[in-house]
């Protein structure tokens, strides 16, 4: 883990207990990478129960990979 940020949804203004099926809560977070890297950086998001610390499953996994940044194109 290179970076981690634990926050409640919508800057603490949209707790999950208020959500209904189909609701969309938009989040924006920044990540500053300094210089190129030959090592790929995998971006992922996890959601956990704040009361228990238990990671919730997304598609059977405890994270959702958003994409990869960097790395050599030839792998």
C-alpha atoms as a PDB file:
ATOM      1  CA  UNK A   1       0.000   0.000   0.000  1.00  0.00           C
ATOM      2  CA  UNK A   2       1.531   3.282  -1.133  1.00  0.00           C
ATOM      3  CA  UNK A   3      -1.309   5.507  -0.007  1.00  0.00           C
ATOM      4  CA  UNK A   4      -4.582   5.143   1.822  1.00  0.00           C
ATOM      5  CA  UNK A   5      -7.355   7.520   2.778  1.00  0.00           C
ATOM      6  CA  UNK A   6     -10.195   6.546   5.061  1.00  0.00           C
ATOM      7  CA  UNK A   7     -13.196   8.863   4.845  1.00  0.00           C
ATOM      8  CA  UNK A   8     -16.929   8.662   5.114  1.00  0.00           C
ATOM      9  CA  UNK A   9     -18.844   9.178   1.859  1.00  0.00           C
ATOM     10  CA  UNK A  10     -19.335  12.699   0.477  1.00  0.00           C
ATOM     11  CA  UNK A  11     -16.998  14.310   2.982  1.00  0.00           C
ATOM     12  CA  UNK A  12     -18.941  12.872   5.937  1.00  0.00           C
ATOM     13  CA  UNK A  13     -22.276  14.211   4.627  1.00  0.00           C
ATOM     14  CA  UNK A  14     -23.785  11.042   3.120  1.00  0.00           C
ATOM     15  CA  UNK A  15     -23.630   8.102   5.539  1.00  0.00           C
ATOM     16  CA  UNK A  16     -24.344   4.764   3.947  1.00  0.00           C
ATOM     17  CA  UNK A  17     -27.340   4.097   6.219  1.00  0.00           C
ATOM     18  CA  UNK A  18     -29.184   6.831   4.285  1.00  0.00           C
ATOM     19  CA  UNK A  19     -28.587   5.195   0.905  1.00  0.00           C
ATOM     20  CA  UNK A  20     -31.222   3.412  -1.128  1.00  0.00           C
ATOM     21  CA  UNK A  21     -30.674   0.905  -3.916  1.00  0.00           C
ATOM     22  CA  UNK A  22     -29.578   2.766  -7.024  1.00  0.00           C
ATOM     23  CA  UNK A  23     -28.294   5.866  -5.220  1.00  0.00           C
ATOM     24  CA  UNK A  24     -25.073   7.342  -6.588  1.00  0.00           C
ATOM     25  CA  UNK A  25     -22.579   9.065  -4.294  1.00  0.00           C
ATOM     26  CA  UNK A  26     -19.767  10.729  -6.234  1.00  0.00           C
ATOM     27  CA  UNK A  27     -16.322  10.923  -4.662  1.00  0.00           C
ATOM     28  CA  UNK A  28     -13.164  12.697  -5.812  1.00  0.00           C
ATOM     29  CA  UNK A  29      -9.767  11.908  -4.316  1.00  0.00           C
ATOM     30  CA  UNK A  30      -6.311  12.937  -5.457  1.00  0.00           C
ATOM     31  CA  UNK A  31      -3.072  11.001  -5.693  1.00  0.00           C
ATOM     32  CA  UNK A  32       0.231  12.742  -6.352  1.00  0.00           C
ATOM     33  CA  UNK A  33       2.813  10.607  -8.160  1.00  0.00           C
ATOM     34  CA  UNK A  34       6.254  12.145  -8.551  1.00  0.00           C
ATOM     35  CA  UNK A  35       8.135  10.969 -11.632  1.00  0.00           C
ATOM     36  CA  UNK A  36       7.716   7.954 -13.885  1.00  0.00           C
ATOM     37  CA  UNK A  37       7.976   4.413 -12.570  1.00  0.00           C
ATOM     38  CA  UNK A  38       8.811   1.084 -14.159  1.00  0.00           C
ATOM     39  CA  UNK A  39       6.599  -0.518 -11.521  1.00  0.00           C
ATOM     40  CA  UNK A  40       2.861  -0.414 -12.191  1.00  0.00           C
ATOM     41  CA  UNK A  41       0.673   1.210  -9.535  1.00  0.00           C
ATOM     42  CA  UNK A  42      -2.697  -0.495  -9.117  1.00  0.00           C
ATOM     43  CA  UNK A  43      -5.494   1.849  -8.062  1.00  0.00           C
ATOM     44  CA  UNK A  44      -8.194   0.201  -5.978  1.00  0.00           C
ATOM     45  CA  UNK A  45     -11.021   1.101  -3.649  1.00  0.00           C
ATOM     46  CA  UNK A  46     -12.365  -0.813  -0.668  1.00  0.00           C
ATOM     47  CA  UNK A  47     -15.396  -0.263   1.514  1.00  0.00           C
ATOM     48  CA  UNK A  48     -15.556  -1.415   5.089  1.00  0.00           C
ATOM     49  CA  UNK A  49     -17.907  -1.404   8.023  1.00  0.00           C
ATOM     50  CA  UNK A  50     -16.674   1.433  10.270  1.00  0.00           C
ATOM     51  CA  UNK A  51     -18.075  -0.260  13.367  1.00  0.00           C
ATOM     52  CA  UNK A  52     -16.304  -3.594  12.848  1.00  0.00           C
ATOM     53  CA  UNK A  53     -13.493  -2.813  10.396  1.00  0.00           C
ATOM     54  CA  UNK A  54     -14.733  -5.703   8.238  1.00  0.00           C
ATOM     55  CA  UNK A  55     -14.083  -5.223   4.520  1.00  0.00           C
ATOM     56  CA  UNK A  56     -17.219  -5.543   2.410  1.00  0.00           C
ATOM     57  CA  UNK A  57     -17.230  -7.648  -0.725  1.00  0.00           C
ATOM     58  CA  UNK A  58     -17.457  -6.165  -4.215  1.00  0.00           C
ATOM     59  CA  UNK A  59     -17.889  -8.876  -6.830  1.00  0.00           C
ATOM     60  CA  UNK A  60     -16.546 -11.451  -4.381  1.00  0.00           C
ATOM     61  CA  UNK A  61     -13.388  -9.442  -3.563  1.00  0.00           C
ATOM     62  CA  UNK A  62     -12.522  -7.003  -0.788  1.00  0.00           C
ATOM     63  CA  UNK A  63     -11.536  -4.336  -3.324  1.00  0.00           C
ATOM     64  CA  UNK A  64     -12.447  -2.994  -6.742  1.00  0.00           C
ATOM     65  CA  UNK A  65      -9.483  -2.283  -9.029  1.00  0.00           C
ATOM     66  CA  UNK A  66      -9.981   1.011 -10.844  1.00  0.00           C
ATOM     67  CA  UNK A  67      -6.965   0.781 -13.136  1.00  0.00           C
ATOM     68  CA  UNK A  68      -3.197   0.731 -13.422  1.00  0.00           C
ATOM     69  CA  UNK A  69      -0.827   3.681 -13.763  1.00  0.00           C
ATOM     70  CA  UNK A  70       2.786   3.455 -14.905  1.00  0.00           C
ATOM     71  CA  UNK A  71       4.873   0.419 -15.583  1.00  0.00           C
ATOM     72  CA  UNK A  72       6.714  -0.405 -18.759  1.00  0.00           C
ATOM     73  CA  UNK A  73       4.493  -0.889 -21.815  1.00  0.00           C
ATOM     74  CA  UNK A  74       6.340  -4.115 -22.715  1.00  0.00           C
ATOM     75  CA  UNK A  75       5.500  -5.546 -19.269  1.00  0.00           C
END
